[in-house]
Each structure stands twice: as structure tokens, then as C-alpha cells.
């Protein structure tokens, strides 16, 4: 089954491309994304419910949910919403003196090499300029992100599994 972060990534890529319609079926879930003049329409329904449940559509940017067709006994269908922008970190005087490790691409942030494994770095850890601090996944490619500076990790600005934008700060480092 498609995970929400995978669906969000697909939506972003379709919105940025010239593709007008995209359909995919994965482990019992069917996803159909169509772009039109009224905005992009996102639809996700488990395959076993296609015959008995209405299709839930989310219209961008209003994000209103409306059934596609009435059904005698509607079962709830999964809803897909675009990712909310990450809140900007508070700008203190202290943070102005810290180095920001930023995301070099749009993708999903992971603090560990695999689920259940230890994080690459935690707050208080010392890093060197070539220390791997996290992974950003984009299109099933896992890109290792390096610290770029020697120092101490002061703050993690994103959570595991969160979508990140190009140039978004991931860590604050007190440089040596």
C-alpha cells in the first residue's frame, strides 16, 4: 500500500510536470491524479472497494472533499491532502551564529539508515565536514547528506519521515 509521504511526493512531481493524468495501482490501492483548469484532482481508493464505495476526490487549492458518485452503502475511502509547509524555526540571536545544514533537494527526511536503526546523529553529537547526518529520499533514491562543517549538532529542525523542500534547514551546527 502506498504510504502518505509517497503519495505526497507523487503529487508534487505531477504538479511540477506537464503530465495531465497519472494512474498507479499498488498492493490493492489505486491512485489517480488528474490536472485540469479547476486545479489538480487527487483520488485514492483501495482496489477491493472500487465496486462498492464512492471515490473521494480532493480539489486543490480549496481541499474540499466530495463523493464522485452515490453508493448504496458507502465505505470510507482514504483521503489525500497535499503536504503542509514546515513551520519556520524561530530566529534567535543564537541561531544567527549557527551553521545550517540544508536539504539539497525535495524529498523525505530520514534520520537513520533504516527503520529501527540508530540515528546518524543526535543533538550534542560532534560531526566533521564529511559526516553523514541523514538521508533524503527522492523518487526511491536515498541520498546521504553530509554535515559540510565540523562542529556540534545543536538542533534537529525536522522530524523523521517529514517532507523537506530544496534549501530547507535540517540541522543547526555550532561550528568549531
N, C-alpha and C. Protein backbone atom coordinates (compact mmCIF):
# COMPACT_ATOMS: atom_id res chain seq x y z
N UNK A 1 0.84 -1.19 0.00
CA UNK A 1 0.00 0.00 0.00
C UNK A 1 0.88 1.24 0.00
N UNK A 2 0.48 2.23 -0.75
CA UNK A 2 1.24 3.48 -0.82
C UNK A 2 1.19 4.20 0.51
N UNK A 3 2.32 4.72 0.94
CA UNK A 3 2.39 5.49 2.18
C UNK A 3 2.08 6.94 1.84
N UNK A 4 1.60 7.68 2.83
CA UNK A 4 1.18 9.06 2.61
C UNK A 4 2.33 9.92 2.09
N UNK A 5 3.56 9.70 2.59
CA UNK A 5 4.67 10.51 2.10
C UNK A 5 4.99 10.18 0.64
N UNK A 6 4.76 8.93 0.21
CA UNK A 6 4.98 8.58 -1.19
C UNK A 6 3.93 9.26 -2.07
N UNK A 7 2.68 9.28 -1.60
CA UNK A 7 1.61 9.93 -2.36
C UNK A 7 1.88 11.42 -2.47
N UNK A 8 2.31 12.04 -1.37
CA UNK A 8 2.61 13.47 -1.40
C UNK A 8 3.73 13.77 -2.39
N UNK A 9 4.74 12.93 -2.43
CA UNK A 9 5.86 13.13 -3.35
C UNK A 9 5.38 13.01 -4.80
N UNK A 10 4.52 12.03 -5.06
CA UNK A 10 3.97 11.87 -6.41
C UNK A 10 3.17 13.11 -6.81
N UNK A 11 2.36 13.61 -5.88
CA UNK A 11 1.55 14.80 -6.16
C UNK A 11 2.44 15.98 -6.51
N UNK A 12 3.49 16.19 -5.74
CA UNK A 12 4.41 17.30 -6.02
C UNK A 12 5.03 17.17 -7.40
N UNK A 13 5.47 15.97 -7.74
CA UNK A 13 6.12 15.75 -9.03
C UNK A 13 5.15 15.96 -10.19
N UNK A 14 3.91 15.50 -10.03
CA UNK A 14 2.91 15.68 -11.09
C UNK A 14 2.58 17.16 -11.25
N UNK A 15 2.42 17.88 -10.12
CA UNK A 15 2.13 19.31 -10.17
C UNK A 15 3.23 20.09 -10.89
N UNK A 16 4.47 19.67 -10.76
CA UNK A 16 5.60 20.37 -11.35
C UNK A 16 5.88 19.92 -12.79
N UNK A 17 5.16 18.92 -13.26
CA UNK A 17 5.43 18.39 -14.61
C UNK A 17 4.32 18.81 -15.57
N UNK A 18 4.47 18.40 -16.82
CA UNK A 18 3.46 18.69 -17.84
C UNK A 18 2.48 17.52 -17.99
N UNK A 19 2.59 16.52 -17.13
CA UNK A 19 1.68 15.37 -17.17
C UNK A 19 0.30 15.82 -16.71
N UNK A 20 -0.75 15.44 -17.46
CA UNK A 20 -2.12 15.83 -17.12
C UNK A 20 -2.87 14.76 -16.35
N UNK A 21 -2.46 13.50 -16.51
CA UNK A 21 -3.15 12.42 -15.81
C UNK A 21 -2.14 11.34 -15.44
N UNK A 22 -2.27 10.79 -14.23
CA UNK A 22 -1.37 9.77 -13.73
C UNK A 22 -2.17 8.74 -12.95
N UNK A 23 -1.98 7.47 -13.27
CA UNK A 23 -2.68 6.39 -12.56
C UNK A 23 -1.65 5.34 -12.14
N UNK A 24 -1.83 4.81 -10.92
CA UNK A 24 -0.96 3.74 -10.45
C UNK A 24 -1.77 2.85 -9.51
N UNK A 25 -1.48 1.55 -9.54
CA UNK A 25 -2.12 0.61 -8.62
C UNK A 25 -1.01 -0.12 -7.89
N UNK A 26 -1.08 -0.15 -6.56
CA UNK A 26 -0.03 -0.74 -5.74
C UNK A 26 -0.65 -1.47 -4.56
N UNK A 27 -0.46 -2.77 -4.49
CA UNK A 27 -0.90 -3.60 -3.37
C UNK A 27 -2.33 -3.29 -2.93
N UNK A 28 -3.25 -3.27 -3.87
CA UNK A 28 -4.65 -3.10 -3.52
C UNK A 28 -5.12 -1.66 -3.45
N UNK A 29 -4.27 -0.69 -3.68
CA UNK A 29 -4.69 0.70 -3.68
C UNK A 29 -4.48 1.28 -5.06
N UNK A 30 -5.49 1.97 -5.55
CA UNK A 30 -5.42 2.60 -6.86
C UNK A 30 -5.37 4.10 -6.67
N UNK A 31 -4.40 4.76 -7.29
CA UNK A 31 -4.23 6.21 -7.19
C UNK A 31 -4.36 6.80 -8.57
N UNK A 32 -5.23 7.82 -8.70
CA UNK A 32 -5.44 8.50 -9.97
C UNK A 32 -5.32 10.00 -9.71
N UNK A 33 -4.42 10.66 -10.43
CA UNK A 33 -4.21 12.10 -10.29
C UNK A 33 -4.44 12.73 -11.66
N UNK A 34 -5.35 13.73 -11.71
CA UNK A 34 -5.65 14.42 -12.96
C UNK A 34 -5.50 15.91 -12.73
N UNK A 35 -4.85 16.58 -13.70
CA UNK A 35 -4.73 18.03 -13.66
C UNK A 35 -5.70 18.62 -14.66
N UNK A 36 -6.33 19.73 -14.28
CA UNK A 36 -7.25 20.41 -15.17
C UNK A 36 -7.28 21.88 -14.85
N UNK A 37 -8.18 22.62 -15.50
CA UNK A 37 -8.26 24.06 -15.30
C UNK A 37 -8.75 24.42 -13.91
N UNK A 38 -9.52 23.57 -13.24
CA UNK A 38 -10.04 23.86 -11.91
C UNK A 38 -9.05 23.48 -10.83
N UNK A 39 -7.89 22.99 -11.18
CA UNK A 39 -6.90 22.55 -10.19
C UNK A 39 -6.63 21.08 -10.36
N UNK A 40 -5.81 20.52 -9.51
CA UNK A 40 -5.46 19.12 -9.59
C UNK A 40 -6.43 18.31 -8.75
N UNK A 41 -6.86 17.17 -9.26
CA UNK A 41 -7.77 16.28 -8.55
C UNK A 41 -6.98 15.05 -8.13
N UNK A 42 -7.05 14.71 -6.84
CA UNK A 42 -6.34 13.56 -6.31
C UNK A 42 -7.39 12.53 -5.88
N UNK A 43 -7.19 11.28 -6.27
CA UNK A 43 -8.13 10.24 -5.92
C UNK A 43 -7.36 9.01 -5.46
N UNK A 44 -7.75 8.45 -4.32
CA UNK A 44 -7.13 7.22 -3.84
C UNK A 44 -8.21 6.33 -3.25
N UNK A 45 -8.31 5.09 -3.74
CA UNK A 45 -9.32 4.15 -3.26
C UNK A 45 -8.71 2.77 -3.22
N UNK A 46 -8.89 2.01 -2.12
CA UNK A 46 -8.44 0.61 -2.12
C UNK A 46 -9.14 -0.15 -3.24
N UNK A 47 -8.41 -0.99 -3.95
CA UNK A 47 -8.94 -1.67 -5.13
C UNK A 47 -10.17 -2.51 -4.82
N UNK A 48 -10.25 -3.17 -3.64
CA UNK A 48 -11.38 -4.02 -3.30
C UNK A 48 -12.66 -3.20 -3.10
N UNK A 49 -12.54 -1.88 -2.87
CA UNK A 49 -13.71 -1.04 -2.65
C UNK A 49 -14.15 -0.31 -3.91
N UNK A 50 -13.46 -0.53 -5.04
CA UNK A 50 -13.79 0.20 -6.25
C UNK A 50 -15.22 -0.04 -6.72
N UNK A 51 -15.74 -1.24 -6.53
CA UNK A 51 -17.08 -1.57 -6.99
C UNK A 51 -18.15 -1.10 -6.02
N UNK A 52 -17.82 -0.94 -4.73
CA UNK A 52 -18.86 -0.67 -3.74
C UNK A 52 -18.78 0.68 -3.07
N UNK A 53 -17.70 1.43 -3.22
CA UNK A 53 -17.56 2.70 -2.49
C UNK A 53 -17.38 3.85 -3.46
N UNK A 54 -17.79 5.06 -3.04
CA UNK A 54 -17.54 6.22 -3.88
C UNK A 54 -16.07 6.59 -3.87
N UNK A 55 -15.65 7.26 -4.90
CA UNK A 55 -14.28 7.72 -4.97
C UNK A 55 -14.22 9.08 -4.27
N UNK A 56 -13.26 9.24 -3.37
CA UNK A 56 -13.11 10.52 -2.68
C UNK A 56 -12.14 11.37 -3.48
N UNK A 57 -12.52 12.61 -3.76
CA UNK A 57 -11.67 13.50 -4.52
C UNK A 57 -11.33 14.71 -3.67
N UNK A 58 -10.12 15.16 -3.81
CA UNK A 58 -9.68 16.37 -3.12
C UNK A 58 -9.30 17.37 -4.19
N UNK A 59 -9.96 18.52 -4.22
CA UNK A 59 -9.69 19.56 -5.20
C UNK A 59 -8.70 20.54 -4.62
N UNK A 60 -7.64 20.85 -5.32
CA UNK A 60 -6.68 21.84 -4.86
C UNK A 60 -7.08 23.18 -5.46
N UNK A 61 -6.93 24.31 -4.84
CA UNK A 61 -6.38 24.53 -3.53
C UNK A 61 -7.42 24.54 -2.41
N UNK A 62 -8.72 24.44 -2.73
CA UNK A 62 -9.75 24.56 -1.71
C UNK A 62 -9.78 23.35 -0.78
N UNK A 63 -9.27 22.19 -1.24
CA UNK A 63 -9.22 20.97 -0.45
C UNK A 63 -10.59 20.57 0.08
N UNK A 64 -11.60 20.60 -0.78
CA UNK A 64 -12.93 20.18 -0.39
C UNK A 64 -13.11 18.74 -0.83
N UNK A 65 -13.72 17.92 0.03
CA UNK A 65 -13.92 16.51 -0.28
C UNK A 65 -15.35 16.33 -0.77
N UNK A 66 -15.52 15.71 -1.94
CA UNK A 66 -16.85 15.48 -2.50
C UNK A 66 -16.90 14.09 -3.10
N UNK A 67 -17.96 13.30 -2.84
CA UNK A 67 -18.04 11.97 -3.44
C UNK A 67 -18.25 12.08 -4.94
N UNK A 68 -17.67 11.16 -5.70
CA UNK A 68 -17.78 11.17 -7.16
C UNK A 68 -19.14 10.67 -7.61
N UNK A 69 -19.69 9.67 -6.94
CA UNK A 69 -21.00 9.12 -7.28
C UNK A 69 -21.60 8.49 -6.03
N UNK A 70 -22.92 8.58 -5.85
CA UNK A 70 -23.54 7.97 -4.67
C UNK A 70 -23.46 6.45 -4.73
N UNK A 71 -23.37 5.82 -3.58
CA UNK A 71 -23.33 4.36 -3.48
C UNK A 71 -24.33 3.94 -2.42
N UNK A 72 -24.91 2.72 -2.55
CA UNK A 72 -25.91 2.28 -1.57
C UNK A 72 -25.37 2.20 -0.15
N UNK A 73 -24.17 1.67 0.03
CA UNK A 73 -23.57 1.54 1.36
C UNK A 73 -22.14 2.06 1.28
N UNK A 74 -21.93 3.38 1.38
CA UNK A 74 -20.57 3.90 1.21
C UNK A 74 -19.65 3.52 2.36
N UNK A 75 -18.48 3.08 1.98
CA UNK A 75 -17.44 2.81 2.97
C UNK A 75 -16.45 3.96 2.90
N UNK A 76 -15.83 4.35 4.02
CA UNK A 76 -14.90 5.48 3.95
C UNK A 76 -13.70 5.15 3.08
N UNK A 77 -13.34 6.08 2.23
CA UNK A 77 -12.18 5.93 1.36
C UNK A 77 -11.06 6.80 1.89
N UNK A 78 -9.80 6.39 1.68
CA UNK A 78 -8.69 7.21 2.17
C UNK A 78 -8.71 8.59 1.51
N UNK A 79 -8.31 9.59 2.25
CA UNK A 79 -8.26 10.94 1.72
C UNK A 79 -6.80 11.34 1.58
N UNK A 80 -6.51 12.06 0.52
CA UNK A 80 -5.15 12.51 0.27
C UNK A 80 -5.15 14.03 0.31
N UNK A 81 -4.25 14.60 1.10
CA UNK A 81 -4.13 16.06 1.17
C UNK A 81 -2.69 16.43 0.90
N UNK A 82 -2.45 17.54 0.22
CA UNK A 82 -1.07 17.95 -0.02
C UNK A 82 -0.36 18.28 1.29
N UNK A 83 0.93 18.14 1.27
CA UNK A 83 1.73 18.37 2.48
C UNK A 83 1.65 19.83 2.91
N UNK A 84 1.57 20.03 4.21
CA UNK A 84 1.58 21.39 4.75
C UNK A 84 3.02 21.86 4.82
N UNK A 85 3.28 23.13 4.58
CA UNK A 85 4.65 23.60 4.66
C UNK A 85 5.17 23.49 6.09
N UNK A 86 6.44 23.18 6.21
CA UNK A 86 7.05 23.04 7.53
C UNK A 86 7.13 24.40 8.20
N UNK A 87 6.87 24.46 9.51
CA UNK A 87 6.96 25.74 10.20
C UNK A 87 8.40 26.24 10.22
N UNK A 88 8.57 27.53 10.05
CA UNK A 88 9.91 28.12 10.06
C UNK A 88 10.45 28.16 11.48
N UNK A 89 11.73 27.84 11.68
CA UNK A 89 12.29 27.87 13.03
C UNK A 89 12.36 29.30 13.55
N UNK A 90 12.23 29.44 14.87
CA UNK A 90 12.30 30.76 15.49
C UNK A 90 13.71 31.31 15.30
N UNK A 91 13.80 32.56 14.92
CA UNK A 91 15.11 33.17 14.67
C UNK A 91 15.59 33.89 15.92
N UNK A 92 16.46 33.24 16.69
CA UNK A 92 17.05 33.90 17.85
C UNK A 92 18.40 34.48 17.44
N UNK A 93 18.95 35.22 18.35
CA UNK A 93 20.30 35.75 18.13
C UNK A 93 21.30 34.60 18.10
N UNK A 94 21.04 33.54 18.93
CA UNK A 94 21.93 32.38 18.98
C UNK A 94 21.95 31.65 17.63
N UNK A 95 20.78 31.49 17.02
CA UNK A 95 20.70 30.74 15.77
C UNK A 95 21.40 31.46 14.63
N UNK A 96 21.53 32.76 14.72
CA UNK A 96 22.19 33.52 13.65
C UNK A 96 23.67 33.14 13.54
N UNK A 97 24.27 32.71 14.64
CA UNK A 97 25.69 32.33 14.65
C UNK A 97 25.92 30.86 14.33
N UNK A 98 24.84 30.10 14.08
CA UNK A 98 24.96 28.67 13.83
C UNK A 98 24.93 28.38 12.33
N UNK A 99 25.64 27.31 11.93
CA UNK A 99 25.63 26.86 10.54
C UNK A 99 24.38 26.01 10.32
N UNK A 100 23.72 26.23 9.20
CA UNK A 100 22.53 25.44 8.86
C UNK A 100 22.91 24.39 7.82
N UNK A 101 22.61 23.13 8.13
CA UNK A 101 22.74 22.07 7.14
C UNK A 101 21.39 22.03 6.43
N UNK A 102 21.37 22.26 5.11
CA UNK A 102 20.12 22.35 4.37
C UNK A 102 19.94 21.16 3.43
N UNK A 103 18.71 20.94 3.05
CA UNK A 103 18.39 19.87 2.11
C UNK A 103 18.77 20.29 0.70
N UNK A 104 19.52 19.46 -0.02
CA UNK A 104 19.90 19.80 -1.39
C UNK A 104 18.82 19.46 -2.42
N UNK A 105 17.67 18.94 -1.94
CA UNK A 105 16.61 18.51 -2.86
C UNK A 105 15.28 18.40 -2.13
N UNK A 106 14.22 18.25 -2.88
CA UNK A 106 12.90 17.95 -2.33
C UNK A 106 12.85 16.45 -2.08
N UNK A 107 12.35 16.05 -0.93
CA UNK A 107 12.25 14.62 -0.64
C UNK A 107 11.77 14.37 0.77
N UNK A 108 11.97 13.15 1.23
CA UNK A 108 11.56 12.74 2.57
C UNK A 108 12.79 12.57 3.43
N UNK A 109 12.77 13.20 4.60
CA UNK A 109 13.90 13.19 5.54
C UNK A 109 13.87 11.93 6.39
N UNK A 110 15.02 11.26 6.50
CA UNK A 110 15.16 10.10 7.39
C UNK A 110 16.42 10.30 8.22
N UNK A 111 16.29 10.13 9.54
CA UNK A 111 17.42 10.35 10.45
C UNK A 111 18.26 9.09 10.66
N UNK A 112 17.80 7.95 10.13
CA UNK A 112 18.52 6.68 10.30
C UNK A 112 18.60 5.96 8.96
N UNK A 113 19.57 5.04 8.82
CA UNK A 113 19.73 4.35 7.54
C UNK A 113 18.58 3.40 7.20
N UNK A 114 17.85 2.94 8.22
CA UNK A 114 16.70 2.06 8.00
C UNK A 114 15.82 2.11 9.25
N UNK A 115 14.55 1.73 9.13
CA UNK A 115 13.66 1.76 10.30
C UNK A 115 14.21 0.89 11.43
N UNK A 116 14.18 1.42 12.65
CA UNK A 116 14.67 0.69 13.82
C UNK A 116 16.15 0.83 14.07
N UNK A 117 16.90 1.36 13.13
CA UNK A 117 18.35 1.55 13.30
C UNK A 117 18.62 2.83 14.08
N UNK A 118 19.82 2.94 14.61
CA UNK A 118 20.22 4.14 15.35
C UNK A 118 20.32 5.33 14.39
N UNK A 119 20.00 6.53 14.90
CA UNK A 119 20.09 7.74 14.09
C UNK A 119 21.55 8.01 13.71
N UNK A 120 21.72 8.66 12.56
CA UNK A 120 23.07 9.04 12.16
C UNK A 120 23.68 9.98 13.18
N UNK A 121 22.94 11.03 13.57
CA UNK A 121 23.41 11.98 14.57
C UNK A 121 22.25 12.40 15.48
N UNK A 122 22.60 12.84 16.67
CA UNK A 122 21.63 13.37 17.63
C UNK A 122 22.14 14.71 18.12
N UNK A 123 21.28 15.45 18.81
CA UNK A 123 21.69 16.73 19.40
C UNK A 123 22.83 16.46 20.37
N UNK A 124 23.89 17.25 20.26
CA UNK A 124 25.07 17.09 21.12
C UNK A 124 26.20 16.32 20.47
N UNK A 125 25.93 15.62 19.37
CA UNK A 125 26.96 14.85 18.68
C UNK A 125 27.94 15.78 17.96
N UNK A 126 29.22 15.38 17.95
CA UNK A 126 30.25 16.10 17.20
C UNK A 126 30.28 15.53 15.78
N UNK A 127 30.37 16.42 14.79
CA UNK A 127 30.42 15.99 13.39
C UNK A 127 31.61 16.64 12.70
N UNK A 128 32.05 16.00 11.62
CA UNK A 128 33.08 16.57 10.75
C UNK A 128 32.41 16.93 9.44
N UNK A 129 33.13 17.61 8.56
CA UNK A 129 32.51 18.07 7.32
C UNK A 129 32.02 16.95 6.42
N UNK A 130 32.55 15.74 6.56
CA UNK A 130 32.10 14.62 5.72
C UNK A 130 31.24 13.60 6.47
N UNK A 131 30.80 13.93 7.69
CA UNK A 131 29.95 13.03 8.47
C UNK A 131 28.55 12.99 7.88
N UNK A 132 28.01 11.79 7.66
CA UNK A 132 26.64 11.65 7.16
C UNK A 132 25.69 11.96 8.32
N UNK A 133 24.76 12.90 8.10
CA UNK A 133 23.85 13.31 9.17
C UNK A 133 22.43 12.79 8.96
N UNK A 134 22.06 12.48 7.71
CA UNK A 134 20.71 11.99 7.43
C UNK A 134 20.63 11.49 5.99
N UNK A 135 19.43 11.06 5.62
CA UNK A 135 19.13 10.65 4.24
C UNK A 135 17.93 11.46 3.78
N UNK A 136 17.95 11.91 2.53
CA UNK A 136 16.77 12.50 1.91
C UNK A 136 16.41 11.60 0.73
N UNK A 137 15.21 11.02 0.79
CA UNK A 137 14.75 10.13 -0.26
C UNK A 137 13.97 10.92 -1.30
N UNK A 138 14.33 10.73 -2.55
CA UNK A 138 13.62 11.35 -3.66
C UNK A 138 13.48 10.30 -4.75
N UNK A 139 12.26 9.98 -5.12
CA UNK A 139 11.99 9.01 -6.19
C UNK A 139 12.68 7.66 -5.94
N UNK A 140 12.58 7.18 -4.73
CA UNK A 140 13.15 5.88 -4.33
C UNK A 140 14.68 5.86 -4.33
N UNK A 141 15.30 7.02 -4.45
CA UNK A 141 16.75 7.12 -4.33
C UNK A 141 17.07 7.72 -2.98
N UNK A 142 17.93 7.06 -2.23
CA UNK A 142 18.28 7.50 -0.88
C UNK A 142 19.61 8.25 -0.95
N UNK A 143 19.55 9.56 -0.72
CA UNK A 143 20.71 10.43 -0.85
C UNK A 143 21.27 10.77 0.52
N UNK A 144 22.51 10.39 0.77
CA UNK A 144 23.15 10.68 2.06
C UNK A 144 23.56 12.15 2.10
N UNK A 145 23.20 12.82 3.19
CA UNK A 145 23.51 14.24 3.35
C UNK A 145 24.66 14.37 4.36
N UNK A 146 25.70 15.11 3.98
CA UNK A 146 26.88 15.28 4.84
C UNK A 146 26.80 16.61 5.57
N UNK A 147 27.53 16.71 6.68
CA UNK A 147 27.47 17.88 7.56
C UNK A 147 28.02 19.16 6.92
N UNK A 148 28.99 19.09 6.05
CA UNK A 148 29.60 20.24 5.37
C UNK A 148 30.43 21.13 6.29
N UNK A 149 30.43 20.88 7.58
CA UNK A 149 31.16 21.70 8.53
C UNK A 149 31.48 20.84 9.76
N UNK A 150 32.59 21.15 10.44
CA UNK A 150 32.91 20.46 11.68
C UNK A 150 32.31 21.23 12.84
N UNK A 151 31.74 20.50 13.80
CA UNK A 151 31.14 21.16 14.96
C UNK A 151 30.23 20.24 15.73
N UNK A 152 29.29 20.83 16.47
CA UNK A 152 28.37 20.09 17.33
C UNK A 152 26.94 20.34 16.86
N UNK A 153 26.16 19.25 16.74
CA UNK A 153 24.75 19.36 16.38
C UNK A 153 24.02 20.02 17.56
N UNK A 154 23.41 21.17 17.31
CA UNK A 154 22.71 21.91 18.36
C UNK A 154 21.21 21.63 18.32
N UNK A 155 20.66 21.48 17.10
CA UNK A 155 19.21 21.31 16.98
C UNK A 155 18.87 20.57 15.70
N UNK A 156 17.90 19.63 15.80
CA UNK A 156 17.32 18.99 14.62
C UNK A 156 16.05 19.77 14.30
N UNK A 157 15.91 20.25 13.08
CA UNK A 157 14.79 21.10 12.71
C UNK A 157 13.64 20.36 12.04
N UNK A 158 13.84 19.09 11.68
CA UNK A 158 12.79 18.30 11.04
C UNK A 158 12.66 16.96 11.74
N UNK A 159 11.51 16.33 11.53
CA UNK A 159 11.25 15.03 12.14
C UNK A 159 11.40 13.93 11.11
N UNK A 160 11.66 12.73 11.59
CA UNK A 160 11.82 11.57 10.74
C UNK A 160 10.55 11.35 9.90
N UNK A 161 10.72 11.15 8.60
CA UNK A 161 9.59 10.92 7.71
C UNK A 161 8.94 12.18 7.17
N UNK A 162 9.43 13.35 7.56
CA UNK A 162 8.85 14.62 7.13
C UNK A 162 9.31 14.97 5.72
N UNK A 163 8.42 15.53 4.92
CA UNK A 163 8.80 16.03 3.60
C UNK A 163 9.59 17.31 3.77
N UNK A 164 10.67 17.43 3.01
CA UNK A 164 11.50 18.63 3.07
C UNK A 164 11.62 19.23 1.68
N UNK A 165 11.83 20.53 1.64
CA UNK A 165 11.97 21.28 0.40
C UNK A 165 13.44 21.54 0.10
N UNK A 166 13.72 21.92 -1.13
CA UNK A 166 15.07 22.31 -1.51
C UNK A 166 15.48 23.52 -0.67
N UNK A 167 16.66 23.45 -0.05
CA UNK A 167 17.18 24.57 0.73
C UNK A 167 16.62 24.68 2.14
N UNK A 168 15.72 23.77 2.53
CA UNK A 168 15.14 23.83 3.88
C UNK A 168 16.19 23.41 4.90
N UNK A 169 16.37 24.20 5.98
CA UNK A 169 17.32 23.82 7.02
C UNK A 169 16.89 22.52 7.72
N UNK A 170 17.85 21.61 7.91
CA UNK A 170 17.60 20.33 8.57
C UNK A 170 18.19 20.30 9.98
N UNK A 171 19.41 20.86 10.13
CA UNK A 171 20.13 20.85 11.41
C UNK A 171 20.77 22.21 11.63
N UNK A 172 20.97 22.54 12.89
CA UNK A 172 21.80 23.69 13.26
C UNK A 172 23.06 23.16 13.91
N UNK A 173 24.23 23.65 13.48
CA UNK A 173 25.51 23.16 13.96
C UNK A 173 26.32 24.34 14.50
N UNK A 174 26.86 24.15 15.69
CA UNK A 174 27.78 25.14 16.26
C UNK A 174 29.16 24.77 15.71
N UNK A 175 29.64 25.56 14.77
CA UNK A 175 30.90 25.27 14.10
C UNK A 175 32.08 25.42 15.05
N UNK A 176 33.11 24.55 14.83
CA UNK A 176 34.32 24.62 15.64
C UNK A 176 35.19 25.79 15.21
